């Protein structure tokens, strides 16, 4: 929950909220930007210095918030419930009831996740990527990935 009391003017607040970061994320619902360490440490040192400075500035600006100790990141593919195959459904614990009218002619557009929550066929979800993360592990600073020219 965010604090509504602020010293930032409404115009400045709107400018920040509609700024470059908002446009970078586009129409996605992403709440985080995951940046692989192996790729960042393979960039030129000058770039790394700018990146670290920006991250440190962001961290210093939000020391007043309670941050989690760590996050779990999983490489995944985003799809709609209606695009799930049987293997994906088993892996994720997704179920779908039998035909609504009982005669087997029509497959309902309702899916249930492993907690029992109902989802429509057009809703989106993440399916862990087969084969895991395609970006190499940083390997204690030994992985170098050549940036594209």
Foldseek 3Di string as FASTA:
>chain_A
DDDPDDPDDPVRVVCVCPDDVDVVCPPDPDPDDDDAPQALLQDDPVSNVVVVVVVVVVCVVPVVDDDDPDDDDFAWDKDFQLPDDPVQCVVFVKDFDADPVPPRPDGAQWIATNVRDIDGRGDMDIGGDVPIDPDDHCVVVPRHDHDDD
